[in-house]
Amino acid sequence: MTGMEIYKRILVAVDGSESSSAAFFKSLWCGKAQRGTFGYHNHY
């Protein structure tokens, strides 16, 4: 499987939120995004 196929598969899973792993990836991704942007600015 190529990287692009994996990427598309994750996108589809996150969009559909079909499985617990998809929800897990989504929460991980959102958590990273929030910490990376808002969290950083709040600290400094």
PDB file of N, CA and C in Angstrom:
ATOM      1  N   MET A   1       0.847  -1.198   0.000  1.00  0.00           N
ATOM      2  CA  MET A   1       0.000   0.000   0.000  1.00  0.00           C
ATOM      3  C   MET A   1       0.887   1.256   0.000  1.00  0.00           C
ATOM      4  N   THR A   2       0.544   2.201  -0.816  1.00  0.00           N
ATOM      5  CA  THR A   2       1.337   3.418  -0.898  1.00  0.00           C
ATOM      6  C   THR A   2       0.939   4.390   0.214  1.00  0.00           C
ATOM      7  N   GLY A   3       1.770   5.384   0.428  1.00  0.00           N
ATOM      8  CA  GLY A   3       1.469   6.388   1.451  1.00  0.00           C
ATOM      9  C   GLY A   3       0.185   7.128   1.140  1.00  0.00           C
ATOM     10  N   MET A   4      -0.040   7.389  -0.150  1.00  0.00           N
ATOM     11  CA  MET A   4      -1.240   8.123  -0.541  1.00  0.00           C
ATOM     12  C   MET A   4      -2.497   7.327  -0.237  1.00  0.00           C
ATOM     13  N   GLU A   5      -2.441   6.008  -0.460  1.00  0.00           N
ATOM     14  CA  GLU A   5      -3.608   5.166  -0.175  1.00  0.00           C
ATOM     15  C   GLU A   5      -3.917   5.167   1.313  1.00  0.00           C
ATOM     16  N   ILE A   6      -2.874   5.094   2.129  1.00  0.00           N
ATOM     17  CA  ILE A   6      -3.065   5.127   3.583  1.00  0.00           C
ATOM     18  C   ILE A   6      -3.663   6.471   3.988  1.00  0.00           C
ATOM     19  N   TYR A   7      -3.121   7.542   3.402  1.00  0.00           N
ATOM     20  CA  TYR A   7      -3.596   8.890   3.703  1.00  0.00           C
ATOM     21  C   TYR A   7      -5.076   9.037   3.366  1.00  0.00           C
ATOM     22  N   LYS A   8      -5.458   8.567   2.172  1.00  0.00           N
ATOM     23  CA  LYS A   8      -6.861   8.643   1.763  1.00  0.00           C
ATOM     24  C   LYS A   8      -7.739   7.817   2.689  1.00  0.00           C
ATOM     25  N   ARG A   9      -7.245   6.650   3.075  1.00  0.00           N
ATOM     26  CA  ARG A   9      -8.021   5.759   3.936  1.00  0.00           C
ATOM     27  C   ARG A   9      -8.267   6.419   5.297  1.00  0.00           C
ATOM     28  N   ILE A  10      -7.250   7.084   5.816  1.00  0.00           N
ATOM     29  CA  ILE A  10      -7.398   7.786   7.098  1.00  0.00           C
ATOM     30  C   ILE A  10      -8.386   8.937   6.941  1.00  0.00           C
ATOM     31  N   LEU A  11      -8.270   9.678   5.835  1.00  0.00           N
ATOM     32  CA  LEU A  11      -9.199  10.786   5.596  1.00  0.00           C
ATOM     33  C   LEU A  11     -10.635  10.295   5.574  1.00  0.00           C
ATOM     34  N   VAL A  12     -10.882   9.206   4.838  1.00  0.00           N
ATOM     35  CA  VAL A  12     -12.231   8.646   4.745  1.00  0.00           C
ATOM     36  C   VAL A  12     -12.718   8.202   6.123  1.00  0.00           C
ATOM     37  N   ALA A  13     -11.837   7.556   6.872  1.00  0.00           N
ATOM     38  CA  ALA A  13     -12.210   7.060   8.198  1.00  0.00           C
ATOM     39  C   ALA A  13     -12.538   8.219   9.134  1.00  0.00           C
ATOM     40  N   VAL A  14     -11.737   9.271   9.088  1.00  0.00           N
ATOM     41  CA  VAL A  14     -11.959  10.419   9.966  1.00  0.00           C
ATOM     42  C   VAL A  14     -13.241  11.152   9.578  1.00  0.00           C
ATOM     43  N   ASP A  15     -13.460  11.309   8.263  1.00  0.00           N
ATOM     44  CA  ASP A  15     -14.672  11.987   7.806  1.00  0.00           C
ATOM     45  C   ASP A  15     -15.925  11.228   8.232  1.00  0.00           C
ATOM     46  N   GLY A  16     -15.876   9.892   8.083  1.00  0.00           N
ATOM     47  CA  GLY A  16     -17.038   9.077   8.407  1.00  0.00           C
ATOM     48  C   GLY A  16     -17.160   8.788   9.892  1.00  0.00           C
ATOM     49  N   SER A  17     -16.032   8.870  10.601  1.00  0.00           N
ATOM     50  CA  SER A  17     -15.988   8.498  12.024  1.00  0.00           C
ATOM     51  C   SER A  17     -16.639   7.133  12.226  1.00  0.00           C
ATOM     52  N   GLU A  18     -16.293   6.193  11.343  1.00  0.00           N
ATOM     53  CA  GLU A  18     -16.941   4.880  11.370  1.00  0.00           C
ATOM     54  C   GLU A  18     -16.436   4.020  12.516  1.00  0.00           C
ATOM     55  N   SER A  19     -15.152   4.105  12.824  1.00  0.00           N
ATOM     56  CA  SER A  19     -14.573   3.200  13.808  1.00  0.00           C
ATOM     57  C   SER A  19     -13.995   3.966  14.981  1.00  0.00           C
ATOM     58  N   SER A  20     -13.705   3.242  16.048  1.00  0.00           N
ATOM     59  CA  SER A  20     -13.121   3.871  17.225  1.00  0.00           C
ATOM     60  C   SER A  20     -11.721   4.375  16.915  1.00  0.00           C
ATOM     61  N   SER A  21     -11.006   3.669  16.023  1.00  0.00           N
ATOM     62  CA  SER A  21      -9.660   4.103  15.667  1.00  0.00           C
ATOM     63  C   SER A  21      -9.717   5.420  14.902  1.00  0.00           C
ATOM     64  N   ALA A  22     -10.753   5.586  14.075  1.00  0.00           N
ATOM     65  CA  ALA A  22     -10.913   6.842  13.344  1.00  0.00           C
ATOM     66  C   ALA A  22     -11.161   7.983  14.313  1.00  0.00           C
ATOM     67  N   ALA A  23     -12.013   7.753  15.302  1.00  0.00           N
ATOM     68  CA  ALA A  23     -12.294   8.765  16.313  1.00  0.00           C
ATOM     69  C   ALA A  23     -11.028   9.069  17.112  1.00  0.00           C
ATOM     70  N   PHE A  24     -10.234   8.024  17.358  1.00  0.00           N
ATOM     71  CA  PHE A  24      -8.983   8.190  18.081  1.00  0.00           C
ATOM     72  C   PHE A  24      -8.014   9.063  17.299  1.00  0.00           C
ATOM     73  N   PHE A  25      -7.873   8.769  15.993  1.00  0.00           N
ATOM     74  CA  PHE A  25      -7.001   9.577  15.141  1.00  0.00           C
ATOM     75  C   PHE A  25      -7.478  11.023  15.108  1.00  0.00           C
ATOM     76  N   LYS A  26      -8.787  11.194  15.012  1.00  0.00           N
ATOM     77  CA  LYS A  26      -9.362  12.536  14.926  1.00  0.00           C
ATOM     78  C   LYS A  26      -9.070  13.323  16.211  1.00  0.00           C
ATOM     79  N   SER A  27      -9.263  12.684  17.367  1.00  0.00           N
ATOM     80  CA  SER A  27      -9.014  13.362  18.633  1.00  0.00           C
ATOM     81  C   SER A  27      -7.536  13.669  18.796  1.00  0.00           C
ATOM     82  N   LEU A  28      -6.691  12.737  18.350  1.00  0.00           N
ATOM     83  CA  LEU A  28      -5.243  12.965  18.391  1.00  0.00           C
ATOM     84  C   LEU A  28      -4.887  14.173  17.540  1.00  0.00           C
ATOM     85  N   TRP A  29      -5.426  14.185  16.322  1.00  0.00           N
ATOM     86  CA  TRP A  29      -5.120  15.248  15.366  1.00  0.00           C
ATOM     87  C   TRP A  29      -5.609  16.585  15.905  1.00  0.00           C
ATOM     88  N   CYS A  30      -6.840  16.627  16.391  1.00  0.00           N
ATOM     89  CA  CYS A  30      -7.409  17.869  16.919  1.00  0.00           C
ATOM     90  C   CYS A  30      -6.636  18.329  18.150  1.00  0.00           C
ATOM     91  N   GLY A  31      -6.274  17.376  19.014  1.00  0.00           N
ATOM     92  CA  GLY A  31      -5.514  17.714  20.211  1.00  0.00           C
ATOM     93  C   GLY A  31      -4.165  18.309  19.862  1.00  0.00           C
ATOM     94  N   LYS A  32      -3.498  17.728  18.855  1.00  0.00           N
ATOM     95  CA  LYS A  32      -2.208  18.249  18.411  1.00  0.00           C
ATOM     96  C   LYS A  32      -2.361  19.652  17.853  1.00  0.00           C
ATOM     97  N   ALA A  33      -3.403  19.848  17.058  1.00  0.00           N
ATOM     98  CA  ALA A  33      -3.623  21.148  16.421  1.00  0.00           C
ATOM     99  C   ALA A  33      -3.887  22.217  17.481  1.00  0.00           C
ATOM    100  N   GLN A  34      -4.703  21.875  18.475  1.00  0.00           N
ATOM    101  CA  GLN A  34      -5.041  22.839  19.521  1.00  0.00           C
ATOM    102  C   GLN A  34      -3.823  23.173  20.383  1.00  0.00           C
ATOM    103  N   ARG A  35      -3.062  22.148  20.760  1.00  0.00           N
ATOM    104  CA  ARG A  35      -1.859  22.392  21.555  1.00  0.00           C
ATOM    105  C   ARG A  35      -0.837  23.181  20.759  1.00  0.00           C
ATOM    106  N   GLY A  36      -0.728  22.846  19.471  1.00  0.00           N
ATOM    107  CA  GLY A  36       0.268  23.490  18.621  1.00  0.00           C
ATOM    108  C   GLY A  36      -0.024  24.961  18.386  1.00  0.00           C
ATOM    109  N   THR A  37      -1.305  25.335  18.323  1.00  0.00           N
ATOM    110  CA  THR A  37      -1.646  26.718  18.027  1.00  0.00           C
ATOM    111  C   THR A  37      -2.035  27.466  19.300  1.00  0.00           C
ATOM    112  N   PHE A  38      -3.181  27.121  19.858  1.00  0.00           N
ATOM    113  CA  PHE A  38      -3.701  27.856  21.011  1.00  0.00           C
ATOM    114  C   PHE A  38      -2.818  27.675  22.240  1.00  0.00           C
ATOM    115  N   GLY A  39      -2.448  26.429  22.528  1.00  0.00           N
ATOM    116  CA  GLY A  39      -1.651  26.149  23.717  1.00  0.00           C
ATOM    117  C   GLY A  39      -0.347  26.916  23.723  1.00  0.00           C
ATOM    118  N   TYR A  40       0.316  26.958  22.584  1.00  0.00           N
ATOM    119  CA  TYR A  40       1.606  27.641  22.477  1.00  0.00           C
ATOM    120  C   TYR A  40       1.446  29.126  22.764  1.00  0.00           C
ATOM    121  N   HIS A  41       0.423  29.740  22.170  1.00  0.00           N
ATOM    122  CA  HIS A  41       0.232  31.173  22.330  1.00  0.00           C
ATOM    123  C   HIS A  41      -0.214  31.531  23.744  1.00  0.00           C
ATOM    124  N   ASN A  42      -0.965  30.629  24.371  1.00  0.00           N
ATOM    125  CA  ASN A  42      -1.420  30.906  25.725  1.00  0.00           C
ATOM    126  C   ASN A  42      -0.251  30.924  26.709  1.00  0.00           C
ATOM    127  N   HIS A  43       0.767  30.093  26.436  1.00  0.00           N
ATOM    128  CA  HIS A  43       1.890  30.021  27.356  1.00  0.00           C
ATOM    129  C   HIS A  43       2.823  31.226  27.225  1.00  0.00           C
ATOM    130  N   TYR A  44       2.851  31.837  26.020  1.00  0.00           N
ATOM    131  CA  TYR A  44       3.846  32.906  25.827  1.00  0.00           C
ATOM    132  C   TYR A  44       3.267  34.244  25.489  1.00  0.00           C
TER     133      TYR A  44
END
